[in-house]
PDB file of N, CA and C in Angstrom:
ATOM      1  N   MET A   1       0.909  -1.162   0.004  1.00  0.00           N
ATOM      2  CA  MET A   1       0.027   0.020  -0.006  1.00  0.00           C
ATOM      3  C   MET A   1       0.898   1.206   0.071  1.00  0.00           C
ATOM      4  N   ALA A   2       0.492   2.268  -0.670  1.00  0.00           N
ATOM      5  CA  ALA A   2       1.315   3.411  -0.721  1.00  0.00           C
ATOM      6  C   ALA A   2       1.264   4.285   0.391  1.00  0.00           C
ATOM      7  N   LYS A   3       2.340   4.872   0.707  1.00  0.00           N
ATOM      8  CA  LYS A   3       2.373   5.818   1.922  1.00  0.00           C
ATOM      9  C   LYS A   3       1.910   7.320   1.603  1.00  0.00           C
ATOM     10  N   PHE A   4       1.868   7.498   0.210  1.00  0.00           N
ATOM     11  CA  PHE A   4       1.328   8.946  -0.198  1.00  0.00           C
ATOM     12  C   PHE A   4      -0.093   9.114   0.185  1.00  0.00           C
ATOM     13  N   LYS A   5      -0.422  10.165   0.788  1.00  0.00           N
ATOM     14  CA  LYS A   5      -1.671  10.648   1.096  1.00  0.00           C
ATOM     15  C   LYS A   5      -2.209  11.927   0.437  1.00  0.00           C
ATOM     16  N   LEU A   6      -3.387  11.792   0.077  1.00  0.00           N
ATOM     17  CA  LEU A   6      -3.962  12.939  -0.729  1.00  0.00           C
ATOM     18  C   LEU A   6      -4.336  14.103   0.304  1.00  0.00           C
ATOM     19  N   GLN A   7      -4.355  13.890   1.659  1.00  0.00           N
ATOM     20  CA  GLN A   7      -4.521  15.057   2.578  1.00  0.00           C
ATOM     21  C   GLN A   7      -3.149  15.114   3.420  1.00  0.00           C
ATOM     22  N   PRO A   8      -2.334  15.929   3.147  1.00  0.00           N
ATOM     23  CA  PRO A   8      -1.103  16.181   3.810  1.00  0.00           C
ATOM     24  C   PRO A   8      -1.299  16.343   5.268  1.00  0.00           C
ATOM     25  N   ALA A   9      -0.254  16.214   6.083  1.00  0.00           N
ATOM     26  CA  ALA A   9      -0.363  16.477   7.582  1.00  0.00           C
ATOM     27  C   ALA A   9      -0.317  18.000   7.628  1.00  0.00           C
ATOM     28  N   PRO A  10      -1.057  18.601   8.784  1.00  0.00           N
ATOM     29  CA  PRO A  10      -1.090  20.005   8.921  1.00  0.00           C
ATOM     30  C   PRO A  10       0.201  20.761   9.080  1.00  0.00           C
ATOM     31  N   THR A  11       1.285  19.960   9.524  1.00  0.00           N
ATOM     32  CA  THR A  11       2.576  20.552   9.827  1.00  0.00           C
ATOM     33  C   THR A  11       3.618  19.591   9.257  1.00  0.00           C
ATOM     34  N   PHE A  12       4.824  20.172   9.062  1.00  0.00           N
ATOM     35  CA  PHE A  12       5.937  19.503   8.768  1.00  0.00           C
ATOM     36  C   PHE A  12       7.153  19.968   9.137  1.00  0.00           C
ATOM     37  N   LYS A  13       8.292  19.118   9.366  1.00  0.00           N
ATOM     38  CA  LYS A  13       9.536  19.642   9.954  1.00  0.00           C
ATOM     39  C   LYS A  13      10.514  19.750   8.813  1.00  0.00           C
ATOM     40  N   ALA A  14      11.425  20.697   8.786  1.00  0.00           N
ATOM     41  CA  ALA A  14      12.479  21.010   7.955  1.00  0.00           C
ATOM     42  C   ALA A  14      13.691  21.726   8.580  1.00  0.00           C
ATOM     43  N   PRO A  15      14.818  21.363   8.261  1.00  0.00           N
ATOM     44  CA  PRO A  15      15.962  21.999   8.731  1.00  0.00           C
ATOM     45  C   PRO A  15      16.095  23.353   7.842  1.00  0.00           C
ATOM     46  N   VAL A  16      16.465  24.423   8.715  1.00  0.00           N
ATOM     47  CA  VAL A  16      16.781  25.710   8.032  1.00  0.00           C
ATOM     48  C   VAL A  16      18.249  26.040   8.366  1.00  0.00           C
ATOM     49  N   ASP A  17      19.036  26.313   7.484  1.00  0.00           N
ATOM     50  CA  ASP A  17      20.474  26.583   7.723  1.00  0.00           C
ATOM     51  C   ASP A  17      20.594  28.244   7.846  1.00  0.00           C
ATOM     52  N   ILE A  18      20.633  28.685   9.047  1.00  0.00           N
ATOM     53  CA  ILE A  18      20.766  30.099   9.610  1.00  0.00           C
ATOM     54  C   ILE A  18      22.185  30.569   9.168  1.00  0.00           C
ATOM     55  N   PRO A  19      22.393  31.570   8.470  1.00  0.00           N
ATOM     56  CA  PRO A  19      23.835  32.050   8.401  1.00  0.00           C
ATOM     57  C   PRO A  19      24.166  32.981   9.672  1.00  0.00           C
ATOM     58  N   VAL A  20      25.379  32.524  10.006  1.00  0.00           N
ATOM     59  CA  VAL A  20      26.066  33.072  11.208  1.00  0.00           C
ATOM     60  C   VAL A  20      27.161  33.908  10.823  1.00  0.00           C
ATOM     61  N   ALA A  21      27.210  35.197  11.139  1.00  0.00           N
ATOM     62  CA  ALA A  21      28.363  36.120  10.698  1.00  0.00           C
ATOM     63  C   ALA A  21      29.635  35.551  11.350  1.00  0.00           C
ATOM     64  N   GLY A  22      30.541  35.468  10.403  1.00  0.00           N
ATOM     65  CA  GLY A  22      31.912  35.000  10.636  1.00  0.00           C
ATOM     66  C   GLY A  22      32.023  33.474  11.031  1.00  0.00           C
ATOM     67  N   GLY A  23      31.229  32.729  10.535  1.00  0.00           N
ATOM     68  CA  GLY A  23      31.172  31.321  10.853  1.00  0.00           C
ATOM     69  C   GLY A  23      30.226  30.575   9.879  1.00  0.00           C
ATOM     70  N   ALA A  24      30.299  29.309   9.957  1.00  0.00           N
ATOM     71  CA  ALA A  24      29.261  28.361   9.277  1.00  0.00           C
ATOM     72  C   ALA A  24      27.771  28.701   9.745  1.00  0.00           C
ATOM     73  N   SER A  25      26.953  28.343   8.778  1.00  0.00           N
ATOM     74  CA  SER A  25      25.553  28.352   9.161  1.00  0.00           C
ATOM     75  C   SER A  25      25.275  27.329  10.124  1.00  0.00           C
ATOM     76  N   GLU A  26      24.220  27.560  11.056  1.00  0.00           N
ATOM     77  CA  GLU A  26      23.701  26.864  11.942  1.00  0.00           C
ATOM     78  C   GLU A  26      22.278  26.102  11.578  1.00  0.00           C
ATOM     79  N   SER A  27      22.137  24.932  11.805  1.00  0.00           N
ATOM     80  CA  SER A  27      20.848  24.403  11.320  1.00  0.00           C
ATOM     81  C   SER A  27      19.897  24.274  12.588  1.00  0.00           C
ATOM     82  N   VAL A  28      18.695  24.991  12.126  1.00  0.00           N
ATOM     83  CA  VAL A  28      17.539  24.859  12.996  1.00  0.00           C
ATOM     84  C   VAL A  28      16.514  24.091  12.499  1.00  0.00           C
ATOM     85  N   VAL A  29      15.844  23.102  13.046  1.00  0.00           N
ATOM     86  CA  VAL A  29      14.805  22.485  12.519  1.00  0.00           C
ATOM     87  C   VAL A  29      13.345  23.241  12.969  1.00  0.00           C
ATOM     88  N   PHE A  30      12.675  23.678  11.938  1.00  0.00           N
ATOM     89  CA  PHE A  30      11.389  24.399  12.156  1.00  0.00           C
ATOM     90  C   PHE A  30      10.233  23.433  11.885  1.00  0.00           C
ATOM     91  N   THR A  31       9.189  23.721  12.605  1.00  0.00           N
ATOM     92  CA  THR A  31       7.954  23.139  12.292  1.00  0.00           C
ATOM     93  C   THR A  31       7.024  23.951  11.405  1.00  0.00           C
ATOM     94  N   PHE A  32       6.875  23.689  10.397  1.00  0.00           N
ATOM     95  CA  PHE A  32       6.245  24.674   9.446  1.00  0.00           C
ATOM     96  C   PHE A  32       4.653  24.275   9.237  1.00  0.00           C
ATOM     97  N   LYS A  33       3.874  25.219   8.949  1.00  0.00           N
ATOM     98  CA  LYS A  33       2.471  24.895   8.631  1.00  0.00           C
ATOM     99  C   LYS A  33       2.317  24.626   7.076  1.00  0.00           C
ATOM    100  N   TRP A  34       1.523  23.610   6.917  1.00  0.00           N
ATOM    101  CA  TRP A  34       1.166  23.136   5.589  1.00  0.00           C
ATOM    102  C   TRP A  34       0.136  24.160   4.960  1.00  0.00           C
ATOM    103  N   ARG A  35       0.220  24.397   3.686  1.00  0.00           N
ATOM    104  CA  ARG A  35      -0.851  25.203   2.945  1.00  0.00           C
ATOM    105  C   ARG A  35      -1.311  24.533   1.613  1.00  0.00           C
ATOM    106  N   ASP A  36      -2.470  24.724   1.348  1.00  0.00           N
ATOM    107  CA  ASP A  36      -2.814  24.216   0.004  1.00  0.00           C
ATOM    108  C   ASP A  36      -2.570  25.455  -1.162  1.00  0.00           C
ATOM    109  N   ARG A  37      -2.786  25.128  -2.194  1.00  0.00           N
ATOM    110  CA  ARG A  37      -2.445  26.247  -3.298  1.00  0.00           C
ATOM    111  C   ARG A  37      -3.061  27.500  -3.117  1.00  0.00           C
ATOM    112  N   GLU A  38      -4.274  27.565  -2.781  1.00  0.00           N
ATOM    113  CA  GLU A  38      -4.924  28.869  -2.420  1.00  0.00           C
ATOM    114  C   GLU A  38      -4.354  29.506  -1.366  1.00  0.00           C
ATOM    115  N   GLY A  39      -4.050  28.826  -0.197  1.00  0.00           N
ATOM    116  CA  GLY A  39      -3.590  29.258   0.899  1.00  0.00           C
ATOM    117  C   GLY A  39      -2.028  29.883   0.789  1.00  0.00           C
ATOM    118  N   PHE A  40      -1.380  28.904  -0.001  1.00  0.00           N
ATOM    119  CA  PHE A  40      -0.060  29.449  -0.347  1.00  0.00           C
ATOM    120  C   PHE A  40       0.061  30.672  -1.281  1.00  0.00           C
ATOM    121  N   ILE A  41      -0.999  30.980  -2.260  1.00  0.00           N
ATOM    122  CA  ILE A  41      -0.929  32.100  -3.007  1.00  0.00           C
ATOM    123  C   ILE A  41      -1.326  33.185  -2.051  1.00  0.00           C
ATOM    124  N   ALA A  42      -2.222  33.114  -1.133  1.00  0.00           N
ATOM    125  CA  ALA A  42      -2.641  34.139  -0.407  1.00  0.00           C
ATOM    126  C   ALA A  42      -1.506  34.499   0.568  1.00  0.00           C
ATOM    127  N   PHE A  43      -0.774  33.627   1.023  1.00  0.00           N
ATOM    128  CA  PHE A  43       0.398  33.753   1.906  1.00  0.00           C
ATOM    129  C   PHE A  43       1.430  34.673   1.069  1.00  0.00           C
ATOM    130  N   THR A  44       1.778  34.019  -0.035  1.00  0.00           N
ATOM    131  CA  THR A  44       2.882  34.896  -0.729  1.00  0.00           C
ATOM    132  C   THR A  44       2.376  36.343  -1.272  1.00  0.00           C
ATOM    133  N   GLU A  45       1.165  36.518  -1.550  1.00  0.00           N
ATOM    134  CA  GLU A  45       0.619  37.716  -1.987  1.00  0.00           C
ATOM    135  C   GLU A  45       0.617  38.574  -0.742  1.00  0.00           C
ATOM    136  N   GLY A  46       0.362  38.027   0.424  1.00  0.00           N
ATOM    137  CA  GLY A  46       0.217  38.841   1.664  1.00  0.00           C
ATOM    138  C   GLY A  46       1.553  39.238   2.308  1.00  0.00           C
ATOM    139  N   LEU A  47       2.711  38.837   1.730  1.00  0.00           N
ATOM    140  CA  LEU A  47       3.957  39.104   2.420  1.00  0.00           C
ATOM    141  C   LEU A  47       4.286  40.563   2.418  1.00  0.00           C
ATOM    142  N   LYS A  48       3.978  41.220   1.160  1.00  0.00           N
ATOM    143  CA  LYS A  48       4.394  42.544   1.037  1.00  0.00           C
ATOM    144  C   LYS A  48       3.751  43.533   2.035  1.00  0.00           C
ATOM    145  N   GLY A  49       4.446  44.230   2.778  1.00  0.00           N
ATOM    146  CA  GLY A  49       3.896  45.122   3.810  1.00  0.00           C
ATOM    147  C   GLY A  49       3.654  44.538   5.196  1.00  0.00           C
ATOM    148  N   ARG A  50       4.048  43.203   5.264  1.00  0.00           N
ATOM    149  CA  ARG A  50       3.989  42.472   6.680  1.00  0.00           C
ATOM    150  C   ARG A  50       5.399  42.587   7.198  1.00  0.00           C
ATOM    151  N   SER A  51       5.386  42.426   8.534  1.00  0.00           N
ATOM    152  CA  SER A  51       6.592  42.454   9.265  1.00  0.00           C
ATOM    153  C   SER A  51       7.277  40.952   8.876  1.00  0.00           C
ATOM    154  N   THR A  52       8.490  40.902   9.112  1.00  0.00           N
ATOM    155  CA  THR A  52       9.183  39.728   8.851  1.00  0.00           C
ATOM    156  C   THR A  52       8.758  38.718  10.158  1.00  0.00           C
ATOM    157  N   LYS A  53       8.461  39.331  11.159  1.00  0.00           N
ATOM    158  CA  LYS A  53       8.270  38.543  12.445  1.00  0.00           C
ATOM    159  C   LYS A  53       6.812  37.827  12.301  1.00  0.00           C
ATOM    160  N   ASP A  54       5.997  38.705  11.738  1.00  0.00           N
ATOM    161  CA  ASP A  54       4.624  38.142  11.455  1.00  0.00           C
ATOM    162  C   ASP A  54       4.546  37.083  10.457  1.00  0.00           C
ATOM    163  N   ALA A  55       5.418  37.143   9.355  1.00  0.00           N
ATOM    164  CA  ALA A  55       5.471  36.252   8.383  1.00  0.00           C
ATOM    165  C   ALA A  55       6.139  34.846   8.875  1.00  0.00           C
ATOM    166  N   VAL A  56       7.174  35.002   9.717  1.00  0.00           N
ATOM    167  CA  VAL A  56       7.748  33.664  10.313  1.00  0.00           C
ATOM    168  C   VAL A  56       6.658  33.067  11.195  1.00  0.00           C
ATOM    169  N   MET A  57       5.901  33.921  12.050  1.00  0.00           N
ATOM    170  CA  MET A  57       4.952  33.219  12.843  1.00  0.00           C
ATOM    171  C   MET A  57       3.803  32.706  11.998  1.00  0.00           C
ATOM    172  N   ASP A  58       3.470  33.121  10.823  1.00  0.00           N
ATOM    173  CA  ASP A  58       2.526  32.569   9.975  1.00  0.00           C
ATOM    174  C   ASP A  58       2.989  31.420   9.238  1.00  0.00           C
ATOM    175  N   MET A  59       4.329  31.204   9.061  1.00  0.00           N
ATOM    176  CA  MET A  59       4.926  30.020   8.350  1.00  0.00           C
ATOM    177  C   MET A  59       5.041  28.869   9.236  1.00  0.00           C
ATOM    178  N   ALA A  60       5.492  29.243  10.571  1.00  0.00           N
ATOM    179  CA  ALA A  60       5.974  28.061  11.400  1.00  0.00           C
ATOM    180  C   ALA A  60       5.196  28.197  12.761  1.00  0.00           C
ATOM    181  N   SER A  61       5.302  27.014  13.403  1.00  0.00           N
ATOM    182  CA  SER A  61       4.617  27.017  14.777  1.00  0.00           C
ATOM    183  C   SER A  61       5.681  26.290  15.817  1.00  0.00           C
ATOM    184  N   GLY A  62       6.887  26.233  15.391  1.00  0.00           N
ATOM    185  CA  GLY A  62       7.820  25.682  16.373  1.00  0.00           C
ATOM    186  C   GLY A  62       9.193  25.565  15.883  1.00  0.00           C
ATOM    187  N   TRP A  63      10.122  25.309  16.585  1.00  0.00           N
ATOM    188  CA  TRP A  63      11.620  25.102  16.290  1.00  0.00           C
ATOM    189  C   TRP A  63      12.256  24.193  17.363  1.00  0.00           C
ATOM    190  N   ASP A  64      13.398  23.603  17.032  1.00  0.00           N
ATOM    191  CA  ASP A  64      14.146  22.659  17.996  1.00  0.00           C
ATOM    192  C   ASP A  64      15.163  23.442  18.930  1.00  0.00           C
ATOM    193  N   LEU A  65      14.886  24.597  19.118  1.00  0.00           N
ATOM    194  CA  LEU A  65      15.755  25.413  20.095  1.00  0.00           C
ATOM    195  C   LEU A  65      15.342  25.349  21.542  1.00  0.00           C
ATOM    196  N   ASP A  66      16.174  25.452  22.433  1.00  0.00           N
ATOM    197  CA  ASP A  66      15.807  25.428  23.794  1.00  0.00           C
ATOM    198  C   ASP A  66      14.846  26.514  24.101  1.00  0.00           C
ATOM    199  N   ASP A  67      15.003  27.741  23.391  1.00  0.00           N
ATOM    200  CA  ASP A  67      14.274  28.975  23.746  1.00  0.00           C
ATOM    201  C   ASP A  67      12.779  28.731  22.967  1.00  0.00           C
ATOM    202  N   PRO A  68      11.741  29.103  23.797  1.00  0.00           N
ATOM    203  CA  PRO A  68      10.519  28.855  23.220  1.00  0.00           C
ATOM    204  C   PRO A  68      10.281  29.638  21.921  1.00  0.00           C
ATOM    205  N   PHE A  69       9.436  28.886  20.933  1.00  0.00           N
ATOM    206  CA  PHE A  69       8.987  29.667  19.784  1.00  0.00           C
ATOM    207  C   PHE A  69       7.870  30.583  20.110  1.00  0.00           C
ATOM    208  N   ASN A  70       8.127  31.835  20.217  1.00  0.00           N
ATOM    209  CA  ASN A  70       7.177  32.915  20.439  1.00  0.00           C
ATOM    210  C   ASN A  70       7.590  34.158  19.842  1.00  0.00           C
ATOM    211  N   GLU A  71       6.585  35.212  19.721  1.00  0.00           N
ATOM    212  CA  GLU A  71       7.008  36.383  18.948  1.00  0.00           C
ATOM    213  C   GLU A  71       8.237  37.131  19.333  1.00  0.00           C
ATOM    214  N   GLU A  72       8.503  37.035  20.616  1.00  0.00           N
ATOM    215  CA  GLU A  72       9.695  37.833  21.205  1.00  0.00           C
ATOM    216  C   GLU A  72      10.809  37.102  20.628  1.00  0.00           C
ATOM    217  N   ASN A  73      11.035  35.857  20.748  1.00  0.00           N
ATOM    218  CA  ASN A  73      12.128  35.012  20.394  1.00  0.00           C
ATOM    219  C   ASN A  73      12.376  35.032  18.860  1.00  0.00           C
ATOM    220  N   VAL A  74      11.318  34.962  18.028  1.00  0.00           N
ATOM    221  CA  VAL A  74      11.527  35.148  16.683  1.00  0.00           C
ATOM    222  C   VAL A  74      12.009  36.583  16.277  1.00  0.00           C
ATOM    223  N   GLN A  75      11.494  37.389  16.867  1.00  0.00           N
ATOM    224  CA  GLN A  75      12.080  38.877  16.742  1.00  0.00           C
ATOM    225  C   GLN A  75      13.532  38.979  16.957  1.00  0.00           C
ATOM    226  N   LEU A  76      13.798  38.329  18.123  1.00  0.00           N
ATOM    227  CA  LEU A  76      15.355  38.273  18.569  1.00  0.00           C
ATOM    228  C   LEU A  76      16.134  37.749  17.558  1.00  0.00           C
ATOM    229  N   MET A  77      15.674  36.506  17.008  1.00  0.00           N
ATOM    230  CA  MET A  77      16.422  35.768  15.907  1.00  0.00           C
ATOM    231  C   MET A  77      16.679  36.576  14.655  1.00  0.00           C
ATOM    232  N   LEU A  78      15.498  37.293  14.392  1.00  0.00           N
ATOM    233  CA  LEU A  78      15.461  38.151  13.161  1.00  0.00           C
ATOM    234  C   LEU A  78      16.467  39.267  13.314  1.00  0.00           C
ATOM    235  N   ASP A  79      16.524  40.020  14.414  1.00  0.00           N
ATOM    236  CA  ASP A  79      17.426  41.021  14.707  1.00  0.00           C
ATOM    237  C   ASP A  79      18.825  40.751  14.793  1.00  0.00           C
ATOM    238  N   ASN A  80      18.995  39.656  15.532  1.00  0.00           N
ATOM    239  CA  ASN A  80      20.521  39.083  15.509  1.00  0.00           C
ATOM    240  C   ASN A  80      21.085  38.453  14.487  1.00  0.00           C
ATOM    241  N   TYR A  81      20.270  37.784  13.535  1.00  0.00           N
ATOM    242  CA  TYR A  81      20.779  36.990  12.389  1.00  0.00           C
ATOM    243  C   TYR A  81      20.060  37.470  11.226  1.00  0.00           C
ATOM    244  N   LEU A  82      20.711  38.487  10.521  1.00  0.00           N
ATOM    245  CA  LEU A  82      20.126  39.028   9.336  1.00  0.00           C
ATOM    246  C   LEU A  82      19.684  38.215   8.239  1.00  0.00           C
ATOM    247  N   GLY A  83      20.278  37.217   7.927  1.00  0.00           N
ATOM    248  CA  GLY A  83      20.017  36.268   7.043  1.00  0.00           C
ATOM    249  C   GLY A  83      18.919  35.254   7.337  1.00  0.00           C
ATOM    250  N   SER A  84      18.451  35.256   8.503  1.00  0.00           N
ATOM    251  CA  SER A  84      17.517  34.291   9.027  1.00  0.00           C
ATOM    252  C   SER A  84      16.316  34.319   8.221  1.00  0.00           C
ATOM    253  N   PHE A  85      15.620  35.463   7.948  1.00  0.00           N
ATOM    254  CA  PHE A  85      14.271  35.537   7.276  1.00  0.00           C
ATOM    255  C   PHE A  85      14.466  35.032   5.966  1.00  0.00           C
ATOM    256  N   PRO A  86      15.261  35.501   5.150  1.00  0.00           N
ATOM    257  CA  PRO A  86      15.536  34.849   3.775  1.00  0.00           C
ATOM    258  C   PRO A  86      15.753  33.241   3.810  1.00  0.00           C
ATOM    259  N   ALA A  87      16.433  32.853   4.697  1.00  0.00           N
ATOM    260  CA  ALA A  87      16.609  31.388   4.917  1.00  0.00           C
ATOM    261  C   ALA A  87      15.417  30.674   5.254  1.00  0.00           C
ATOM    262  N   VAL A  88      14.605  31.126   6.268  1.00  0.00           N
ATOM    263  CA  VAL A  88      13.321  30.552   6.532  1.00  0.00           C
ATOM    264  C   VAL A  88      12.341  30.539   5.573  1.00  0.00           C
ATOM    265  N   LEU A  89      12.250  31.688   4.853  1.00  0.00           N
ATOM    266  CA  LEU A  89      11.377  31.837   3.662  1.00  0.00           C
ATOM    267  C   LEU A  89      11.611  30.829   2.545  1.00  0.00           C
ATOM    268  N   ASP A  90      12.958  30.831   2.069  1.00  0.00           N
ATOM    269  CA  ASP A  90      13.332  30.183   1.086  1.00  0.00           C
ATOM    270  C   ASP A  90      13.160  28.682   1.414  1.00  0.00           C
ATOM    271  N   LYS A  91      13.419  28.210   2.683  1.00  0.00           N
ATOM    272  CA  LYS A  91      13.161  26.743   3.091  1.00  0.00           C
ATOM    273  C   LYS A  91      11.656  26.366   2.914  1.00  0.00           C
ATOM    274  N   TYR A  92      10.835  27.269   3.362  1.00  0.00           N
ATOM    275  CA  TYR A  92       9.522  27.079   3.416  1.00  0.00           C
ATOM    276  C   TYR A  92       8.935  26.890   2.083  1.00  0.00           C
ATOM    277  N   VAL A  93       9.174  27.847   1.168  1.00  0.00           N
ATOM    278  CA  VAL A  93       8.671  27.737  -0.142  1.00  0.00           C
ATOM    279  C   VAL A  93       9.193  26.570  -0.799  1.00  0.00           C
ATOM    280  N   SER A  94      10.415  26.360  -0.697  1.00  0.00           N
ATOM    281  CA  SER A  94      11.101  25.175  -1.185  1.00  0.00           C
ATOM    282  C   SER A  94      10.430  23.692  -0.822  1.00  0.00           C
ATOM    283  N   GLU A  95      10.000  23.725   0.359  1.00  0.00           N
ATOM    284  CA  GLU A  95       9.368  22.503   0.938  1.00  0.00           C
ATOM    285  C   GLU A  95       7.989  22.468   0.395  1.00  0.00           C
ATOM    286  N   LEU A  96       7.237  23.388   0.407  1.00  0.00           N
ATOM    287  CA  LEU A  96       5.978  23.486  -0.013  1.00  0.00           C
ATOM    288  C   LEU A  96       5.701  23.030  -1.596  1.00  0.00           C
ATOM    289  N   THR A  97       6.733  23.693  -2.338  1.00  0.00           N
ATOM    290  CA  THR A  97       6.708  23.578  -3.811  1.00  0.00           C
ATOM    291  C   THR A  97       7.730  22.445  -4.400  1.00  0.00           C
ATOM    292  N   LYS A  98       8.610  22.035  -3.469  1.00  0.00           N
ATOM    293  CA  LYS A  98       9.737  21.152  -3.922  1.00  0.00           C
ATOM    294  C   LYS A  98      10.512  21.787  -5.102  1.00  0.00           C
ATOM    295  N   ALA A  99      10.608  23.055  -5.073  1.00  0.00           N
ATOM    296  CA  ALA A  99      11.371  23.705  -6.204  1.00  0.00           C
ATOM    297  C   ALA A  99      12.791  23.273  -6.313  1.00  0.00           C
ATOM    298  N   LYS A 100      13.409  22.930  -5.214  1.00  0.00           N
ATOM    299  CA  LYS A 100      14.852  22.439  -5.207  1.00  0.00           C
ATOM    300  C   LYS A 100      14.779  20.857  -4.884  1.00  0.00           C
ATOM    301  N   GLU A 101      14.860  20.068  -5.958  1.00  0.00           N
ATOM    302  CA  GLU A 101      15.003  18.670  -5.673  1.00  0.00           C
ATOM    303  C   GLU A 101      16.234  18.180  -5.233  1.00  0.00           C
ATOM    304  N   LYS A 102      16.051  17.220  -4.266  1.00  0.00           N
ATOM    305  CA  LYS A 102      17.186  16.738  -3.576  1.00  0.00           C
ATOM    306  C   LYS A 102      17.954  15.681  -4.396  1.00  0.00           C
ATOM    307  N   ASN A 103      19.142  15.639  -4.394  1.00  0.00           N
ATOM    308  CA  ASN A 103      20.081  14.820  -5.326  1.00  0.00           C
ATOM    309  C   ASN A 103      20.048  13.405  -4.501  1.00  0.00           C
TER     310      ASN A 103
END
C-alpha cells in the first residue's frame, strides 16, 4: 500500500540553515504549517507590507531550540541574524513547492 496521502499533515519539519556572521551556518529544525495552493498564493501575496516576524509566525509553529517559539524570540532571531528571514522563507517555499529537488 502506498504511503502517499491525498490530505497532507497540517505541519511538517524541515531544517533551516541560518547564516552566522564569521562562521558556518547553524541548522535549526522548524515546524512549518502546511498550506494548500490557494492558501500558499494568499500567503505569498500577503507578504508585501507584513513584518518579517509576522511572516515567520504565519509560516511556522515551532523550532528545535531550547528557547520557546514565540513572537519575542522570533524577533530576537531576526534582529541578531540578518539572513535568518530569507533562509526561513526560502526553505518554506522550497518545501511546499519542492522547487529544489534533492540529489
